[in-house]
Amino acid sequence: MAKRKDIPAQTPGTSTFQRPRICVNSYANNVRYEQTMHDVTLVFGQSDMSTGTEIVKQNIAVTVPWSVANSRFIIWTSILSSFELYNGKIPIPA
């Protein structure tokens, strides 16, 4: 496939990232996964125990193709291993 002359080639590692003013920042202590053969959706929420019964208030869902999920899994594994090496094992609640 021929390269278009009006679009300059992107040099790897030179991307600039900018967040728009309306970018959502949130906290989640609960993640639910939904999947299709094409992608996976991570639905983030926060547990609310104020009524005596747990209610998970879901607030953000992000869908990514499996190729992105796989590459991020590799990166997250590396990040978690490094964190635990310096800070000790992360306890996982029962």
PDB file of N, CA and C in Angstrom:
ATOM      1  N   MET A   1       0.841  -1.177   0.000  1.00  0.00           N
ATOM      2  CA  MET A   1       0.000   0.000   0.000  1.00  0.00           C
ATOM      3  C   MET A   1       0.885   1.238   0.000  1.00  0.00           C
ATOM      4  N   ALA A   2       0.604   2.165  -0.886  1.00  0.00           N
ATOM      5  CA  ALA A   2       1.417   3.372  -1.006  1.00  0.00           C
ATOM      6  C   ALA A   2       1.107   4.341   0.130  1.00  0.00           C
ATOM      7  N   LYS A   3       2.148   5.030   0.574  1.00  0.00           N
ATOM      8  CA  LYS A   3       1.984   6.033   1.625  1.00  0.00           C
ATOM      9  C   LYS A   3       1.405   7.301   1.022  1.00  0.00           C
ATOM     10  N   ARG A   4       0.489   7.925   1.756  1.00  0.00           N
ATOM     11  CA  ARG A   4      -0.040   9.210   1.294  1.00  0.00           C
ATOM     12  C   ARG A   4       0.993  10.281   1.563  1.00  0.00           C
ATOM     13  N   LYS A   5       1.223  11.144   0.615  1.00  0.00           N
ATOM     14  CA  LYS A   5       2.256  12.161   0.761  1.00  0.00           C
ATOM     15  C   LYS A   5       1.857  13.298   1.693  1.00  0.00           C
ATOM     16  N   ASP A   6       0.552  13.519   1.872  1.00  0.00           N
ATOM     17  CA  ASP A   6       0.120  14.645   2.697  1.00  0.00           C
ATOM     18  C   ASP A   6       0.065  14.315   4.190  1.00  0.00           C
ATOM     19  N   ILE A   7       0.332  13.076   4.570  1.00  0.00           N
ATOM     20  CA  ILE A   7       0.327  12.690   5.983  1.00  0.00           C
ATOM     21  C   ILE A   7       1.742  12.278   6.375  1.00  0.00           C
ATOM     22  N   PRO A   8       2.395  13.046   7.269  1.00  0.00           N
ATOM     23  CA  PRO A   8       3.763  12.677   7.647  1.00  0.00           C
ATOM     24  C   PRO A   8       3.782  11.370   8.439  1.00  0.00           C
ATOM     25  N   ALA A   9       4.856  10.610   8.289  1.00  0.00           N
ATOM     26  CA  ALA A   9       5.010   9.350   9.025  1.00  0.00           C
ATOM     27  C   ALA A   9       5.167   9.648  10.512  1.00  0.00           C
ATOM     28  N   GLN A  10       4.550   8.850  11.344  1.00  0.00           N
ATOM     29  CA  GLN A  10       4.637   9.016  12.791  1.00  0.00           C
ATOM     30  C   GLN A  10       5.873   8.281  13.295  1.00  0.00           C
ATOM     31  N   THR A  11       6.697   8.966  14.042  1.00  0.00           N
ATOM     32  CA  THR A  11       7.859   8.347  14.649  1.00  0.00           C
ATOM     33  C   THR A  11       7.418   7.698  15.956  1.00  0.00           C
ATOM     34  N   PRO A  12       7.700   6.387  16.141  1.00  0.00           N
ATOM     35  CA  PRO A  12       7.289   5.724  17.384  1.00  0.00           C
ATOM     36  C   PRO A  12       7.826   6.447  18.620  1.00  0.00           C
ATOM     37  N   GLY A  13       6.973   6.577  19.635  1.00  0.00           N
ATOM     38  CA  GLY A  13       7.388   7.184  20.894  1.00  0.00           C
ATOM     39  C   GLY A  13       7.349   8.701  20.912  1.00  0.00           C
ATOM     40  N   THR A  14       6.791   9.318  19.866  1.00  0.00           N
ATOM     41  CA  THR A  14       6.765  10.781  19.831  1.00  0.00           C
ATOM     42  C   THR A  14       5.356  11.340  20.016  1.00  0.00           C
ATOM     43  N   SER A  15       4.420  10.519  20.449  1.00  0.00           N
ATOM     44  CA  SER A  15       3.050  10.984  20.635  1.00  0.00           C
ATOM     45  C   SER A  15       2.963  11.973  21.788  1.00  0.00           C
ATOM     46  N   THR A  16       2.051  12.914  21.660  1.00  0.00           N
ATOM     47  CA  THR A  16       1.746  13.848  22.733  1.00  0.00           C
ATOM     48  C   THR A  16       0.331  13.546  23.198  1.00  0.00           C
ATOM     49  N   PHE A  17       0.138  13.431  24.509  1.00  0.00           N
ATOM     50  CA  PHE A  17      -1.167  13.115  25.054  1.00  0.00           C
ATOM     51  C   PHE A  17      -1.729  14.342  25.743  1.00  0.00           C
ATOM     52  N   GLN A  18      -2.986  14.645  25.469  1.00  0.00           N
ATOM     53  CA  GLN A  18      -3.663  15.767  26.115  1.00  0.00           C
ATOM     54  C   GLN A  18      -5.028  15.307  26.580  1.00  0.00           C
ATOM     55  N   ARG A  19      -5.401  15.698  27.805  1.00  0.00           N
ATOM     56  CA  ARG A  19      -6.726  15.390  28.326  1.00  0.00           C
ATOM     57  C   ARG A  19      -7.631  16.593  28.101  1.00  0.00           C
ATOM     58  N   PRO A  20      -8.827  16.354  27.580  1.00  0.00           N
ATOM     59  CA  PRO A  20      -9.769  17.466  27.432  1.00  0.00           C
ATOM     60  C   PRO A  20     -10.270  17.911  28.803  1.00  0.00           C
ATOM     61  N   ARG A  21     -10.837  19.105  28.865  1.00  0.00           N
ATOM     62  CA  ARG A  21     -11.338  19.617  30.145  1.00  0.00           C
ATOM     63  C   ARG A  21     -12.396  18.707  30.752  1.00  0.00           C
ATOM     64  N   ILE A  22     -13.139  17.970  29.920  1.00  0.00           N
ATOM     65  CA  ILE A  22     -14.226  17.131  30.427  1.00  0.00           C
ATOM     66  C   ILE A  22     -13.803  15.673  30.640  1.00  0.00           C
ATOM     67  N   CYS A  23     -12.514  15.413  30.689  1.00  0.00           N
ATOM     68  CA  CYS A  23     -12.023  14.053  30.936  1.00  0.00           C
ATOM     69  C   CYS A  23     -12.488  13.582  32.309  1.00  0.00           C
ATOM     70  N   VAL A  24     -13.014  12.366  32.367  1.00  0.00           N
ATOM     71  CA  VAL A  24     -13.547  11.831  33.615  1.00  0.00           C
ATOM     72  C   VAL A  24     -12.442  11.149  34.410  1.00  0.00           C
ATOM     73  N   ASN A  25     -12.284  11.558  35.654  1.00  0.00           N
ATOM     74  CA  ASN A  25     -11.400  10.882  36.602  1.00  0.00           C
ATOM     75  C   ASN A  25     -12.301  10.280  37.668  1.00  0.00           C
ATOM     76  N   SER A  26     -12.073   9.023  37.994  1.00  0.00           N
ATOM     77  CA  SER A  26     -12.960   8.356  38.922  1.00  0.00           C
ATOM     78  C   SER A  26     -12.184   7.339  39.743  1.00  0.00           C
ATOM     79  N   TYR A  27     -12.799   6.838  40.800  1.00  0.00           N
ATOM     80  CA  TYR A  27     -12.234   5.790  41.640  1.00  0.00           C
ATOM     81  C   TYR A  27     -13.107   4.552  41.477  1.00  0.00           C
ATOM     82  N   ALA A  28     -12.483   3.383  41.452  1.00  0.00           N
ATOM     83  CA  ALA A  28     -13.241   2.133  41.369  1.00  0.00           C
ATOM     84  C   ALA A  28     -12.596   1.092  42.265  1.00  0.00           C
ATOM     85  N   ASN A  29     -13.421   0.394  43.043  1.00  0.00           N
ATOM     86  CA  ASN A  29     -12.930  -0.741  43.811  1.00  0.00           C
ATOM     87  C   ASN A  29     -13.645  -2.018  43.370  1.00  0.00           C
ATOM     88  N   ASN A  30     -14.321  -1.929  42.216  1.00  0.00           N
ATOM     89  CA  ASN A  30     -15.015  -3.065  41.653  1.00  0.00           C
ATOM     90  C   ASN A  30     -14.891  -2.994  40.133  1.00  0.00           C
ATOM     91  N   VAL A  31     -14.562  -4.115  39.502  1.00  0.00           N
ATOM     92  CA  VAL A  31     -14.466  -4.162  38.046  1.00  0.00           C
ATOM     93  C   VAL A  31     -15.205  -5.394  37.562  1.00  0.00           C
ATOM     94  N   ARG A  32     -16.070  -5.201  36.599  1.00  0.00           N
ATOM     95  CA  ARG A  32     -16.799  -6.309  35.978  1.00  0.00           C
ATOM     96  C   ARG A  32     -16.337  -6.397  34.528  1.00  0.00           C
ATOM     97  N   TYR A  33     -16.254  -7.606  34.026  1.00  0.00           N
ATOM     98  CA  TYR A  33     -15.787  -7.817  32.662  1.00  0.00           C
ATOM     99  C   TYR A  33     -16.923  -8.358  31.808  1.00  0.00           C
ATOM    100  N   GLU A  34     -17.052  -7.807  30.609  1.00  0.00           N
ATOM    101  CA  GLU A  34     -18.003  -8.316  29.622  1.00  0.00           C
ATOM    102  C   GLU A  34     -17.196  -8.515  28.345  1.00  0.00           C
ATOM    103  N   GLN A  35     -17.441  -9.602  27.631  1.00  0.00           N
ATOM    104  CA  GLN A  35     -16.621  -9.872  26.463  1.00  0.00           C
ATOM    105  C   GLN A  35     -17.430 -10.341  25.269  1.00  0.00           C
ATOM    106  N   THR A  36     -16.901 -10.050  24.103  1.00  0.00           N
ATOM    107  CA  THR A  36     -17.393 -10.608  22.848  1.00  0.00           C
ATOM    108  C   THR A  36     -16.178 -11.212  22.157  1.00  0.00           C
ATOM    109  N   MET A  37     -16.364 -11.794  21.006  1.00  0.00           N
ATOM    110  CA  MET A  37     -15.207 -12.355  20.311  1.00  0.00           C
ATOM    111  C   MET A  37     -14.289 -11.256  19.770  1.00  0.00           C
ATOM    112  N   HIS A  38     -14.768 -10.006  19.731  1.00  0.00           N
ATOM    113  CA  HIS A  38     -13.984  -8.906  19.167  1.00  0.00           C
ATOM    114  C   HIS A  38     -13.318  -8.022  20.214  1.00  0.00           C
ATOM    115  N   ASP A  39     -13.944  -7.911  21.397  1.00  0.00           N
ATOM    116  CA  ASP A  39     -13.419  -6.973  22.384  1.00  0.00           C
ATOM    117  C   ASP A  39     -13.844  -7.351  23.797  1.00  0.00           C
ATOM    118  N   VAL A  40     -13.303  -6.602  24.747  1.00  0.00           N
ATOM    119  CA  VAL A  40     -13.649  -6.796  26.150  1.00  0.00           C
ATOM    120  C   VAL A  40     -14.026  -5.429  26.733  1.00  0.00           C
ATOM    121  N   THR A  41     -15.060  -5.432  27.566  1.00  0.00           N
ATOM    122  CA  THR A  41     -15.505  -4.212  28.233  1.00  0.00           C
ATOM    123  C   THR A  41     -15.226  -4.342  29.719  1.00  0.00           C
ATOM    124  N   LEU A  42     -14.575  -3.349  30.283  1.00  0.00           N
ATOM    125  CA  LEU A  42     -14.329  -3.287  31.717  1.00  0.00           C
ATOM    126  C   LEU A  42     -15.303  -2.253  32.279  1.00  0.00           C
ATOM    127  N   VAL A  43     -16.172  -2.692  33.184  1.00  0.00           N
ATOM    128  CA  VAL A  43     -17.154  -1.806  33.799  1.00  0.00           C
ATOM    129  C   VAL A  43     -16.689  -1.543  35.226  1.00  0.00           C
ATOM    130  N   PHE A  44     -16.346  -0.285  35.504  1.00  0.00           N
ATOM    131  CA  PHE A  44     -15.795   0.101  36.801  1.00  0.00           C
ATOM    132  C   PHE A  44     -16.898   0.659  37.693  1.00  0.00           C
ATOM    133  N   GLY A  45     -16.821   0.326  38.970  1.00  0.00           N
ATOM    134  CA  GLY A  45     -17.805   0.822  39.916  1.00  0.00           C
ATOM    135  C   GLY A  45     -17.230   0.906  41.311  1.00  0.00           C
ATOM    136  N   GLN A  46     -18.067   1.390  42.223  1.00  0.00           N
ATOM    137  CA  GLN A  46     -17.651   1.540  43.614  1.00  0.00           C
ATOM    138  C   GLN A  46     -18.695   0.902  44.518  1.00  0.00           C
ATOM    139  N   SER A  47     -18.210   0.084  45.446  1.00  0.00           N
ATOM    140  CA  SER A  47     -19.109  -0.573  46.402  1.00  0.00           C
ATOM    141  C   SER A  47     -19.668   0.449  47.386  1.00  0.00           C
ATOM    142  N   ASP A  48     -20.971   0.340  47.644  1.00  0.00           N
ATOM    143  CA  ASP A  48     -21.637   1.203  48.622  1.00  0.00           C
ATOM    144  C   ASP A  48     -22.314   0.291  49.638  1.00  0.00           C
ATOM    145  N   MET A  49     -21.871   0.361  50.878  1.00  0.00           N
ATOM    146  CA  MET A  49     -22.429  -0.477  51.947  1.00  0.00           C
ATOM    147  C   MET A  49     -23.307   0.331  52.904  1.00  0.00           C
ATOM    148  N   SER A  50     -23.658   1.546  52.542  1.00  0.00           N
ATOM    149  CA  SER A  50     -24.379   2.438  53.462  1.00  0.00           C
ATOM    150  C   SER A  50     -25.772   1.933  53.824  1.00  0.00           C
ATOM    151  N   THR A  51     -26.364   1.060  53.008  1.00  0.00           N
ATOM    152  CA  THR A  51     -27.704   0.539  53.311  1.00  0.00           C
ATOM    153  C   THR A  51     -27.652  -0.779  54.072  1.00  0.00           C
ATOM    154  N   GLY A  52     -26.442  -1.299  54.317  1.00  0.00           N
ATOM    155  CA  GLY A  52     -26.300  -2.590  54.977  1.00  0.00           C
ATOM    156  C   GLY A  52     -26.163  -3.731  53.985  1.00  0.00           C
ATOM    157  N   THR A  53     -26.539  -3.498  52.757  1.00  0.00           N
ATOM    158  CA  THR A  53     -26.387  -4.468  51.671  1.00  0.00           C
ATOM    159  C   THR A  53     -25.495  -3.836  50.618  1.00  0.00           C
ATOM    160  N   GLU A  54     -24.556  -4.616  50.098  1.00  0.00           N
ATOM    161  CA  GLU A  54     -23.646  -4.049  49.107  1.00  0.00           C
ATOM    162  C   GLU A  54     -24.372  -3.729  47.808  1.00  0.00           C
ATOM    163  N   ILE A  55     -24.191  -2.506  47.351  1.00  0.00           N
ATOM    164  CA  ILE A  55     -24.680  -2.066  46.050  1.00  0.00           C
ATOM    165  C   ILE A  55     -23.457  -1.529  45.306  1.00  0.00           C
ATOM    166  N   VAL A  56     -23.206  -2.042  44.124  1.00  0.00           N
ATOM    167  CA  VAL A  56     -22.088  -1.550  43.324  1.00  0.00           C
ATOM    168  C   VAL A  56     -22.635  -0.511  42.358  1.00  0.00           C
ATOM    169  N   LYS A  57     -22.179   0.720  42.531  1.00  0.00           N
ATOM    170  CA  LYS A  57     -22.607   1.812  41.657  1.00  0.00           C
ATOM    171  C   LYS A  57     -21.603   1.919  40.517  1.00  0.00           C
ATOM    172  N   GLN A  58     -21.997   1.393  39.363  1.00  0.00           N
ATOM    173  CA  GLN A  58     -21.117   1.410  38.195  1.00  0.00           C
ATOM    174  C   GLN A  58     -21.123   2.805  37.596  1.00  0.00           C
ATOM    175  N   ASN A  59     -19.906   3.295  37.255  1.00  0.00           N
ATOM    176  CA  ASN A  59     -19.842   4.662  36.768  1.00  0.00           C
ATOM    177  C   ASN A  59     -19.114   4.844  35.439  1.00  0.00           C
ATOM    178  N   ILE A  60     -18.271   3.903  35.040  1.00  0.00           N
ATOM    179  CA  ILE A  60     -17.545   4.055  33.783  1.00  0.00           C
ATOM    180  C   ILE A  60     -17.375   2.683  33.140  1.00  0.00           C
ATOM    181  N   ALA A  61     -17.567   2.612  31.833  1.00  0.00           N
ATOM    182  CA  ALA A  61     -17.297   1.391  31.079  1.00  0.00           C
ATOM    183  C   ALA A  61     -16.344   1.738  29.941  1.00  0.00           C
ATOM    184  N   VAL A  62     -15.318   0.914  29.781  1.00  0.00           N
ATOM    185  CA  VAL A  62     -14.338   1.120  28.724  1.00  0.00           C
ATOM    186  C   VAL A  62     -14.240  -0.169  27.913  1.00  0.00           C
ATOM    187  N   THR A  63     -14.400  -0.059  26.606  1.00  0.00           N
ATOM    188  CA  THR A  63     -14.307  -1.215  25.723  1.00  0.00           C
ATOM    189  C   THR A  63     -13.043  -1.103  24.889  1.00  0.00           C
ATOM    190  N   VAL A  64     -12.261  -2.191  24.856  1.00  0.00           N
ATOM    191  CA  VAL A  64     -11.027  -2.215  24.060  1.00  0.00           C
ATOM    192  C   VAL A  64     -10.983  -3.520  23.268  1.00  0.00           C
ATOM    193  N   PRO A  65     -10.322  -3.504  22.097  1.00  0.00           N
ATOM    194  CA  PRO A  65     -10.154  -4.750  21.357  1.00  0.00           C
ATOM    195  C   PRO A  65      -9.212  -5.686  22.108  1.00  0.00           C
ATOM    196  N   TRP A  66      -9.302  -6.971  21.813  1.00  0.00           N
ATOM    197  CA  TRP A  66      -8.493  -7.963  22.509  1.00  0.00           C
ATOM    198  C   TRP A  66      -7.002  -7.690  22.363  1.00  0.00           C
ATOM    199  N   SER A  67      -6.563  -7.157  21.238  1.00  0.00           N
ATOM    200  CA  SER A  67      -5.130  -6.876  21.054  1.00  0.00           C
ATOM    201  C   SER A  67      -4.639  -5.849  22.066  1.00  0.00           C
ATOM    202  N   VAL A  68      -5.444  -4.842  22.349  1.00  0.00           N
ATOM    203  CA  VAL A  68      -5.075  -3.834  23.348  1.00  0.00           C
ATOM    204  C   VAL A  68      -5.119  -4.447  24.747  1.00  0.00           C
ATOM    205  N   ALA A  69      -6.135  -5.236  25.034  1.00  0.00           N
ATOM    206  CA  ALA A  69      -6.241  -5.890  26.348  1.00  0.00           C
ATOM    207  C   ALA A  69      -5.023  -6.777  26.595  1.00  0.00           C
ATOM    208  N   ASN A  70      -4.594  -7.511  25.590  1.00  0.00           N
ATOM    209  CA  ASN A  70      -3.446  -8.406  25.738  1.00  0.00           C
ATOM    210  C   ASN A  70      -2.160  -7.620  25.985  1.00  0.00           C
ATOM    211  N   SER A  71      -1.943  -6.553  25.233  1.00  0.00           N
ATOM    212  CA  SER A  71      -0.708  -5.776  25.423  1.00  0.00           C
ATOM    213  C   SER A  71      -0.710  -5.080  26.787  1.00  0.00           C
ATOM    214  N   ARG A  72      -1.858  -4.616  27.255  1.00  0.00           N
ATOM    215  CA  ARG A  72      -1.938  -3.973  28.564  1.00  0.00           C
ATOM    216  C   ARG A  72      -1.769  -4.993  29.689  1.00  0.00           C
ATOM    217  N   PHE A  73      -2.236  -6.218  29.483  1.00  0.00           N
ATOM    218  CA  PHE A  73      -2.039  -7.279  30.468  1.00  0.00           C
ATOM    219  C   PHE A  73      -0.551  -7.497  30.706  1.00  0.00           C
ATOM    220  N   ILE A  74       0.212  -7.533  29.642  1.00  0.00           N
ATOM    221  CA  ILE A  74       1.659  -7.721  29.756  1.00  0.00           C
ATOM    222  C   ILE A  74       2.285  -6.562  30.525  1.00  0.00           C
ATOM    223  N   ILE A  75       1.873  -5.347  30.233  1.00  0.00           N
ATOM    224  CA  ILE A  75       2.408  -4.160  30.912  1.00  0.00           C
ATOM    225  C   ILE A  75       1.991  -4.158  32.383  1.00  0.00           C
ATOM    226  N   TRP A  76       0.701  -4.447  32.685  1.00  0.00           N
ATOM    227  CA  TRP A  76       0.224  -4.471  34.073  1.00  0.00           C
ATOM    228  C   TRP A  76       0.953  -5.525  34.884  1.00  0.00           C
ATOM    229  N   THR A  77       1.206  -6.685  34.287  1.00  0.00           N
ATOM    230  CA  THR A  77       1.942  -7.740  34.986  1.00  0.00           C
ATOM    231  C   THR A  77       3.324  -7.249  35.389  1.00  0.00           C
ATOM    232  N   SER A  78       3.984  -6.550  34.485  1.00  0.00           N
ATOM    233  CA  SER A  78       5.310  -6.004  34.765  1.00  0.00           C
ATOM    234  C   SER A  78       5.253  -4.942  35.862  1.00  0.00           C
ATOM    235  N   ILE A  79       4.272  -4.063  35.790  1.00  0.00           N
ATOM    236  CA  ILE A  79       4.123  -2.993  36.783  1.00  0.00           C
ATOM    237  C   ILE A  79       3.848  -3.586  38.170  1.00  0.00           C
ATOM    238  N   LEU A  80       2.931  -4.553  38.241  1.00  0.00           N
ATOM    239  CA  LEU A  80       2.595  -5.180  39.528  1.00  0.00           C
ATOM    240  C   LEU A  80       3.782  -5.941  40.103  1.00  0.00           C
ATOM    241  N   SER A  81       4.509  -6.667  39.264  1.00  0.00           N
ATOM    242  CA  SER A  81       5.689  -7.406  39.739  1.00  0.00           C
ATOM    243  C   SER A  81       6.728  -6.459  40.317  1.00  0.00           C
ATOM    244  N   SER A  82       6.948  -5.347  39.644  1.00  0.00           N
ATOM    245  CA  SER A  82       7.912  -4.361  40.114  1.00  0.00           C
ATOM    246  C   SER A  82       7.453  -3.741  41.438  1.00  0.00           C
ATOM    247  N   PHE A  83       6.173  -3.404  41.541  1.00  0.00           N
ATOM    248  CA  PHE A  83       5.637  -2.828  42.774  1.00  0.00           C
ATOM    249  C   PHE A  83       5.823  -3.798  43.940  1.00  0.00           C
ATOM    250  N   GLU A  84       5.463  -5.067  43.724  1.00  0.00           N
ATOM    251  CA  GLU A  84       5.577  -6.058  44.803  1.00  0.00           C
ATOM    252  C   GLU A  84       7.026  -6.344  45.173  1.00  0.00           C
ATOM    253  N   LEU A  85       7.926  -6.240  44.224  1.00  0.00           N
ATOM    254  CA  LEU A  85       9.338  -6.446  44.508  1.00  0.00           C
ATOM    255  C   LEU A  85       9.837  -5.431  45.535  1.00  0.00           C
ATOM    256  N   TYR A  86       9.408  -4.189  45.404  1.00  0.00           N
ATOM    257  CA  TYR A  86       9.875  -3.114  46.284  1.00  0.00           C
ATOM    258  C   TYR A  86       8.994  -2.884  47.510  1.00  0.00           C
ATOM    259  N   ASN A  87       7.716  -3.286  47.438  1.00  0.00           N
ATOM    260  CA  ASN A  87       6.773  -2.963  48.511  1.00  0.00           C
ATOM    261  C   ASN A  87       6.164  -4.170  49.194  1.00  0.00           C
ATOM    262  N   GLY A  88       6.471  -5.363  48.750  1.00  0.00           N
ATOM    263  CA  GLY A  88       5.869  -6.569  49.319  1.00  0.00           C
ATOM    264  C   GLY A  88       4.615  -6.980  48.590  1.00  0.00           C
ATOM    265  N   LYS A  89       4.186  -8.187  48.872  1.00  0.00           N
ATOM    266  CA  LYS A  89       3.025  -8.777  48.211  1.00  0.00           C
ATOM    267  C   LYS A  89       1.764  -7.945  48.489  1.00  0.00           C
ATOM    268  N   ILE A  90       0.962  -7.733  47.464  1.00  0.00           N
ATOM    269  CA  ILE A  90      -0.293  -7.014  47.604  1.00  0.00           C
ATOM    270  C   ILE A  90      -1.326  -7.982  48.145  1.00  0.00           C
ATOM    271  N   PRO A  91      -1.921  -7.691  49.314  1.00  0.00           N
ATOM    272  CA  PRO A  91      -2.928  -8.606  49.855  1.00  0.00           C
ATOM    273  C   PRO A  91      -4.215  -8.554  49.022  1.00  0.00           C
ATOM    274  N   ILE A  92      -4.763  -9.716  48.742  1.00  0.00           N
ATOM    275  CA  ILE A  92      -6.008  -9.796  47.993  1.00  0.00           C
ATOM    276  C   ILE A  92      -7.109 -10.223  48.956  1.00  0.00           C
ATOM    277  N   PRO A  93      -8.128  -9.375  49.150  1.00  0.00           N
ATOM    278  CA  PRO A  93      -9.199  -9.710  50.100  1.00  0.00           C
ATOM    279  C   PRO A  93      -9.961 -10.954  49.666  1.00  0.00           C
ATOM    280  N   ALA A  94     -10.458 -11.698  50.656  1.00  0.00           N
ATOM    281  CA  ALA A  94     -11.211 -12.920  50.364  1.00  0.00           C
ATOM    282  C   ALA A  94     -12.599 -12.598  49.856  1.00  0.00           C
TER     283      ALA A  94
END
